[in-house]
C-alpha atoms as a PDB file:
ATOM      1  CA  UNK A   1     102.455 103.831 109.152  1.00  0.00           C
ATOM      2  CA  UNK A   2     105.187 105.393 111.291  1.00  0.00           C
ATOM      3  CA  UNK A   3     106.003 109.079 110.822  1.00  0.00           C
ATOM      4  CA  UNK A   4     109.428 110.781 110.976  1.00  0.00           C
ATOM      5  CA  UNK A   5     109.483 114.226 112.638  1.00  0.00           C
ATOM      6  CA  UNK A   6     112.332 116.693 112.130  1.00  0.00           C
ATOM      7  CA  UNK A   7     112.211 118.115 115.669  1.00  0.00           C
ATOM      8  CA  UNK A   8     110.901 117.412 119.149  1.00  0.00           C
ATOM      9  CA  UNK A   9     107.150 116.805 118.877  1.00  0.00           C
ATOM     10  CA  UNK A  10     104.498 119.152 120.227  1.00  0.00           C
ATOM     11  CA  UNK A  11     102.843 116.934 122.813  1.00  0.00           C
ATOM     12  CA  UNK A  12      99.279 116.987 124.076  1.00  0.00           C
ATOM     13  CA  UNK A  13      98.532 118.501 127.470  1.00  0.00           C
ATOM     14  CA  UNK A  14      98.322 114.950 128.814  1.00  0.00           C
ATOM     15  CA  UNK A  15     101.640 113.297 127.980  1.00  0.00           C
ATOM     16  CA  UNK A  16     104.503 111.348 129.485  1.00  0.00           C
ATOM     17  CA  UNK A  17     108.238 111.725 128.867  1.00  0.00           C
ATOM     18  CA  UNK A  18     110.427 108.800 129.907  1.00  0.00           C
ATOM     19  CA  UNK A  19     113.819 110.362 130.602  1.00  0.00           C
ATOM     20  CA  UNK A  20     116.700 110.303 133.026  1.00  0.00           C
ATOM     21  CA  UNK A  21     116.287 112.852 135.849  1.00  0.00           C
ATOM     22  CA  UNK A  22     118.061 116.137 135.186  1.00  0.00           C
ATOM     23  CA  UNK A  23     120.137 115.757 138.347  1.00  0.00           C
ATOM     24  CA  UNK A  24     121.865 112.708 136.851  1.00  0.00           C
ATOM     25  CA  UNK A  25     123.502 114.890 134.196  1.00  0.00           C
ATOM     26  CA  UNK A  26     124.681 117.341 136.852  1.00  0.00           C
ATOM     27  CA  UNK A  27     126.126 114.544 138.974  1.00  0.00           C
ATOM     28  CA  UNK A  28     127.902 113.061 135.962  1.00  0.00           C
ATOM     29  CA  UNK A  29     129.460 116.433 135.100  1.00  0.00           C
ATOM     30  CA  UNK A  30     130.643 116.765 138.683  1.00  0.00           C
ATOM     31  CA  UNK A  31     132.270 113.339 138.572  1.00  0.00           C
ATOM     32  CA  UNK A  32     134.035 114.189 135.307  1.00  0.00           C
ATOM     33  CA  UNK A  33     135.320 117.427 136.843  1.00  0.00           C
ATOM     34  CA  UNK A  34     136.581 115.728 140.000  1.00  0.00           C
ATOM     35  CA  UNK A  35     138.287 113.019 137.968  1.00  0.00           C
ATOM     36  CA  UNK A  36     139.931 115.586 135.691  1.00  0.00           C
ATOM     37  CA  UNK A  37     141.191 117.713 138.556  1.00  0.00           C
ATOM     38  CA  UNK A  38     142.428 114.646 140.402  1.00  0.00           C
ATOM     39  CA  UNK A  39     144.457 113.434 137.448  1.00  0.00           C
ATOM     40  CA  UNK A  40     145.828 116.948 136.892  1.00  0.00           C
ATOM     41  CA  UNK A  41     146.944 117.003 140.537  1.00  0.00           C
ATOM     42  CA  UNK A  42     148.687 113.653 140.165  1.00  0.00           C
ATOM     43  CA  UNK A  43     150.443 114.752 136.982  1.00  0.00           C
ATOM     44  CA  UNK A  44     151.653 117.952 138.655  1.00  0.00           C
ATOM     45  CA  UNK A  45     152.571 117.069 142.213  1.00  0.00           C
ATOM     46  CA  UNK A  46     153.424 113.342 142.315  1.00  0.00           C
ATOM     47  CA  UNK A  47     157.253 113.156 142.395  1.00  0.00           C
ATOM     48  CA  UNK A  48     159.291 111.014 140.019  1.00  0.00           C
ATOM     49  CA  UNK A  49     156.320 110.202 137.801  1.00  0.00           C
ATOM     50  CA  UNK A  50     157.439 109.050 134.324  1.00  0.00           C
ATOM     51  CA  UNK A  51     157.063 111.648 131.574  1.00  0.00           C
ATOM     52  CA  UNK A  52     154.875 109.318 129.488  1.00  0.00           C
ATOM     53  CA  UNK A  53     152.530 108.695 132.433  1.00  0.00           C
ATOM     54  CA  UNK A  54     152.385 112.406 133.227  1.00  0.00           C
ATOM     55  CA  UNK A  55     151.517 113.235 129.611  1.00  0.00           C
ATOM     56  CA  UNK A  56     148.801 110.567 129.557  1.00  0.00           C
ATOM     57  CA  UNK A  57     147.301 111.931 132.791  1.00  0.00           C
ATOM     58  CA  UNK A  58     147.211 115.444 131.351  1.00  0.00           C
ATOM     59  CA  UNK A  59     145.471 114.247 128.188  1.00  0.00           C
ATOM     60  CA  UNK A  60     142.849 112.239 130.072  1.00  0.00           C
ATOM     61  CA  UNK A  61     142.424 115.087 132.563  1.00  0.00           C
ATOM     62  CA  UNK A  62     141.742 117.538 129.744  1.00  0.00           C
ATOM     63  CA  UNK A  63     139.185 115.228 128.147  1.00  0.00           C
ATOM     64  CA  UNK A  64     137.401 114.742 131.474  1.00  0.00           C
ATOM     65  CA  UNK A  65     137.269 118.485 132.172  1.00  0.00           C
ATOM     66  CA  UNK A  66     136.042 119.113 128.622  1.00  0.00           C
ATOM     67  CA  UNK A  67     133.234 116.604 129.145  1.00  0.00           C
ATOM     68  CA  UNK A  68     132.358 118.314 132.457  1.00  0.00           C
ATOM     69  CA  UNK A  69     132.010 121.668 130.701  1.00  0.00           C
ATOM     70  CA  UNK A  70     129.361 120.406 128.290  1.00  0.00           C
ATOM     71  CA  UNK A  71     125.746 121.305 129.161  1.00  0.00           C
ATOM     72  CA  UNK A  72     123.974 118.561 131.065  1.00  0.00           C
ATOM     73  CA  UNK A  73     121.434 116.739 128.919  1.00  0.00           C
ATOM     74  CA  UNK A  74     118.859 114.326 130.269  1.00  0.00           C
ATOM     75  CA  UNK A  75     118.612 111.248 128.071  1.00  0.00           C
ATOM     76  CA  UNK A  76     115.073 110.915 126.726  1.00  0.00           C
ATOM     77  CA  UNK A  77     114.098 107.318 125.998  1.00  0.00           C
ATOM     78  CA  UNK A  78     110.702 108.142 124.498  1.00  0.00           C
ATOM     79  CA  UNK A  79     107.696 110.443 124.816  1.00  0.00           C
ATOM     80  CA  UNK A  80     104.036 109.547 124.458  1.00  0.00           C
ATOM     81  CA  UNK A  81     100.612 111.093 124.177  1.00  0.00           C
ATOM     82  CA  UNK A  82      97.247 110.275 122.583  1.00  0.00           C
ATOM     83  CA  UNK A  83      98.800 109.908 119.113  1.00  0.00           C
ATOM     84  CA  UNK A  84     101.393 107.264 119.988  1.00  0.00           C
ATOM     85  CA  UNK A  85     104.986 106.961 121.180  1.00  0.00           C
ATOM     86  CA  UNK A  86     107.848 109.143 119.912  1.00  0.00           C
ATOM     87  CA  UNK A  87     111.369 107.703 119.771  1.00  0.00           C
ATOM     88  CA  UNK A  88     114.505 109.852 119.317  1.00  0.00           C
ATOM     89  CA  UNK A  89     117.266 109.118 116.867  1.00  0.00           C
ATOM     90  CA  UNK A  90     120.593 109.350 118.680  1.00  0.00           C
ATOM     91  CA  UNK A  91     124.124 109.637 117.396  1.00  0.00           C
ATOM     92  CA  UNK A  92     127.099 108.835 119.586  1.00  0.00           C
ATOM     93  CA  UNK A  93     129.707 111.575 119.845  1.00  0.00           C
ATOM     94  CA  UNK A  94     132.500 109.848 121.772  1.00  0.00           C
ATOM     95  CA  UNK A  95     133.612 110.558 125.332  1.00  0.00           C
ATOM     96  CA  UNK A  96     131.108 113.374 125.800  1.00  0.00           C
ATOM     97  CA  UNK A  97     128.141 111.085 125.136  1.00  0.00           C
ATOM     98  CA  UNK A  98     125.146 111.441 122.847  1.00  0.00           C
ATOM     99  CA  UNK A  99     125.066 114.412 120.508  1.00  0.00           C
ATOM    100  CA  UNK A 100     121.305 114.605 120.977  1.00  0.00           C
ATOM    101  CA  UNK A 101     118.247 113.502 119.031  1.00  0.00           C
ATOM    102  CA  UNK A 102     118.361 114.268 115.320  1.00  0.00           C
ATOM    103  CA  UNK A 103     114.843 113.216 114.309  1.00  0.00           C
ATOM    104  CA  UNK A 104     111.892 111.589 116.059  1.00  0.00           C
ATOM    105  CA  UNK A 105     109.905 108.549 114.995  1.00  0.00           C
ATOM    106  CA  UNK A 106     106.189 108.622 115.818  1.00  0.00           C
ATOM    107  CA  UNK A 107     104.828 105.101 116.134  1.00  0.00           C
ATOM    108  CA  UNK A 108     101.010 105.405 116.334  1.00  0.00           C
ATOM    109  CA  UNK A 109      99.109 103.323 118.843  1.00  0.00           C
ATOM    110  CA  UNK A 110      97.742 101.169 116.021  1.00  0.00           C
ATOM    111  CA  UNK A 111     101.319  99.922 115.504  1.00  0.00           C
ATOM    112  CA  UNK A 112     101.913  99.110 119.193  1.00  0.00           C
ATOM    113  CA  UNK A 113     100.711  96.153 121.243  1.00  0.00           C
ATOM    114  CA  UNK A 114     101.502  93.978 124.276  1.00  0.00           C
ATOM    115  CA  UNK A 115     102.542  96.726 126.714  1.00  0.00           C
ATOM    116  CA  UNK A 116     103.943  94.995 129.790  1.00  0.00           C
ATOM    117  CA  UNK A 117     106.702  94.937 132.416  1.00  0.00           C
ATOM    118  CA  UNK A 118     109.604  92.532 131.978  1.00  0.00           C
ATOM    119  CA  UNK A 119     113.177  92.063 133.139  1.00  0.00           C
ATOM    120  CA  UNK A 120     115.630  93.812 130.812  1.00  0.00           C
ATOM    121  CA  UNK A 121     119.081  92.344 130.283  1.00  0.00           C
ATOM    122  CA  UNK A 122     121.635  95.120 129.706  1.00  0.00           C
ATOM    123  CA  UNK A 123     125.118  96.222 130.751  1.00  0.00           C
ATOM    124  CA  UNK A 124     123.813  97.606 134.050  1.00  0.00           C
ATOM    125  CA  UNK A 125     122.304  94.287 135.099  1.00  0.00           C
ATOM    126  CA  UNK A 126     118.852  92.781 135.242  1.00  0.00           C
ATOM    127  CA  UNK A 127     116.302  95.534 135.824  1.00  0.00           C
ATOM    128  CA  UNK A 128     112.553  95.724 135.317  1.00  0.00           C
ATOM    129  CA  UNK A 129     111.393  97.955 132.508  1.00  0.00           C
ATOM    130  CA  UNK A 130     108.465  98.629 130.215  1.00  0.00           C
ATOM    131  CA  UNK A 131     108.317  96.569 127.030  1.00  0.00           C
ATOM    132  CA  UNK A 132     106.017  96.587 124.031  1.00  0.00           C
ATOM    133  CA  UNK A 133     105.781  95.197 120.538  1.00  0.00           C
ATOM    134  CA  UNK A 134     105.804  97.598 117.649  1.00  0.00           C
ATOM    135  CA  UNK A 135     105.943  97.648 113.879  1.00  0.00           C
ATOM    136  CA  UNK A 136     109.128  99.139 112.457  1.00  0.00           C
ATOM    137  CA  UNK A 137     110.916  98.855 109.150  1.00  0.00           C
ATOM    138  CA  UNK A 138     114.531  97.735 108.939  1.00  0.00           C
ATOM    139  CA  UNK A 139     115.566 101.374 108.484  1.00  0.00           C
ATOM    140  CA  UNK A 140     113.551 102.434 111.551  1.00  0.00           C
ATOM    141  CA  UNK A 141     115.183  99.698 113.595  1.00  0.00           C
ATOM    142  CA  UNK A 142     118.655 100.827 112.516  1.00  0.00           C
ATOM    143  CA  UNK A 143     118.102 104.521 113.260  1.00  0.00           C
ATOM    144  CA  UNK A 144     115.881 104.462 116.330  1.00  0.00           C
ATOM    145  CA  UNK A 145     116.295 101.124 118.079  1.00  0.00           C
ATOM    146  CA  UNK A 146     119.937 100.107 117.498  1.00  0.00           C
ATOM    147  CA  UNK A 147     120.869 100.933 121.121  1.00  0.00           C
ATOM    148  CA  UNK A 148     117.550  99.855 122.591  1.00  0.00           C
ATOM    149  CA  UNK A 149     117.088  96.659 124.561  1.00  0.00           C
ATOM    150  CA  UNK A 150     115.563  94.520 121.825  1.00  0.00           C
ATOM    151  CA  UNK A 151     114.426  91.339 123.488  1.00  0.00           C
ATOM    152  CA  UNK A 152     114.880  88.172 121.465  1.00  0.00           C
ATOM    153  CA  UNK A 153     111.718  86.097 121.327  1.00  0.00           C
ATOM    154  CA  UNK A 154     111.138  83.405 118.745  1.00  0.00           C
ATOM    155  CA  UNK A 155     107.395  83.975 118.618  1.00  0.00           C
ATOM    156  CA  UNK A 156     106.254  87.573 118.900  1.00  0.00           C
ATOM    157  CA  UNK A 157     102.601  88.528 118.730  1.00  0.00           C
ATOM    158  CA  UNK A 158     101.955  90.340 115.435  1.00  0.00           C
ATOM    159  CA  UNK A 159     100.753  93.947 115.386  1.00  0.00           C
ATOM    160  CA  UNK A 160      97.932  94.101 112.888  1.00  0.00           C
ATOM    161  CA  UNK A 161      98.858  91.893 109.959  1.00  0.00           C
ATOM    162  CA  UNK A 162     102.632  92.403 110.192  1.00  0.00           C
ATOM    163  CA  UNK A 163     105.470  91.013 112.231  1.00  0.00           C
ATOM    164  CA  UNK A 164     106.761  93.072 115.141  1.00  0.00           C
ATOM    165  CA  UNK A 165     109.822  93.673 117.296  1.00  0.00           C
ATOM    166  CA  UNK A 166     109.843  93.655 121.085  1.00  0.00           C
ATOM    167  CA  UNK A 167     111.696  96.569 122.692  1.00  0.00           C
ATOM    168  CA  UNK A 168     112.284  97.473 126.309  1.00  0.00           C
ATOM    169  CA  UNK A 169     113.187 100.655 128.185  1.00  0.00           C
ATOM    170  CA  UNK A 170     114.236 101.424 131.770  1.00  0.00           C
ATOM    171  CA  UNK A 171     111.604 103.061 133.949  1.00  0.00           C
ATOM    172  CA  UNK A 172     113.705 106.184 134.729  1.00  0.00           C
ATOM    173  CA  UNK A 173     113.232 106.007 138.516  1.00  0.00           C
ATOM    174  CA  UNK A 174     109.468 105.600 138.230  1.00  0.00           C
ATOM    175  CA  UNK A 175     107.402 102.485 138.791  1.00  0.00           C
ATOM    176  CA  UNK A 176     107.390 100.496 135.524  1.00  0.00           C
ATOM    177  CA  UNK A 177     103.926  99.229 136.410  1.00  0.00           C
ATOM    178  CA  UNK A 178     102.596 102.791 136.686  1.00  0.00           C
ATOM    179  CA  UNK A 179     104.203 103.687 133.361  1.00  0.00           C
ATOM    180  CA  UNK A 180     102.744 100.613 131.650  1.00  0.00           C
ATOM    181  CA  UNK A 181      99.292 101.467 133.009  1.00  0.00           C
ATOM    182  CA  UNK A 182      99.660 105.046 131.792  1.00  0.00           C
ATOM    183  CA  UNK A 183     100.677 103.949 128.292  1.00  0.00           C
ATOM    184  CA  UNK A 184      97.726 101.569 128.122  1.00  0.00           C
ATOM    185  CA  UNK A 185      95.478 104.437 129.160  1.00  0.00           C
ATOM    186  CA  UNK A 186      96.847 106.625 126.358  1.00  0.00           C
ATOM    187  CA  UNK A 187      96.306 103.785 123.920  1.00  0.00           C
ATOM    188  CA  UNK A 188      92.727 103.282 125.022  1.00  0.00           C
ATOM    189  CA  UNK A 189      92.054 107.014 124.576  1.00  0.00           C
ATOM    190  CA  UNK A 190      93.759 107.257 121.189  1.00  0.00           C
ATOM    191  CA  UNK A 191      90.444 107.274 119.311  1.00  0.00           C
ATOM    192  CA  UNK A 192      89.204 110.326 121.225  1.00  0.00           C
ATOM    193  CA  UNK A 193      89.642 113.778 119.706  1.00  0.00           C
ATOM    194  CA  UNK A 194      90.857 115.416 122.924  1.00  0.00           C
ATOM    195  CA  UNK A 195      92.568 114.163 126.049  1.00  0.00           C
ATOM    196  CA  UNK A 196      92.349 115.874 129.416  1.00  0.00           C
ATOM    197  CA  UNK A 197      95.097 115.372 132.017  1.00  0.00           C
ATOM    198  CA  UNK A 198      94.253 114.078 135.440  1.00  0.00           C
ATOM    199  CA  UNK A 199      96.358 114.051 138.605  1.00  0.00           C
ATOM    200  CA  UNK A 200      98.187 110.846 137.690  1.00  0.00           C
ATOM    201  CA  UNK A 201      99.189 112.195 134.263  1.00  0.00           C
ATOM    202  CA  UNK A 202     100.468 115.460 135.727  1.00  0.00           C
ATOM    203  CA  UNK A 203     102.461 113.650 138.402  1.00  0.00           C
ATOM    204  CA  UNK A 204     104.116 111.262 135.965  1.00  0.00           C
ATOM    205  CA  UNK A 205     104.873 113.970 133.421  1.00  0.00           C
ATOM    206  CA  UNK A 206     106.939 116.075 135.788  1.00  0.00           C
ATOM    207  CA  UNK A 207     110.688 116.026 135.205  1.00  0.00           C
END
């Protein structure tokens, strides 16, 4: 069965974290700051601007600068090691983005199957990502996979003796084929008591 953890898991020495690069958060903060300062400049120095428009610019400018002041957080899609894959619960906090993971769901390798690379259909377009089938209760799906690319297939391969859902994740600027191979390797080693990292694991685990 799946296990709920109250904080970020303690991962094995050999692990992989699928996350946005840290520099993306810094770039996003910079864009918010530039946008806020630009709108503040327009509201202050553009002549004959209507009062309502000026007030709106100041409000939006303040929100953008406030978002820029927040610490940059790299979005973690999931983490994995010899035990299985860990998925974060995320709560949306408005213009500033995700408030951060609240709990983590450990899905053991026995509840995961059909790791592959497929085309994901999302708001950013058609991109290749890693997909896999997993067992999850309705509550797990609501808390941990509501904003995940859940691919709609009429006939999904079962995991064990239960039905499964098919989920997909972007590859976070790494080769999705390398990630899929790494996850399969973790799964094949899941019955071992210890796992030792090799060069490929260390390379892929760097953030």
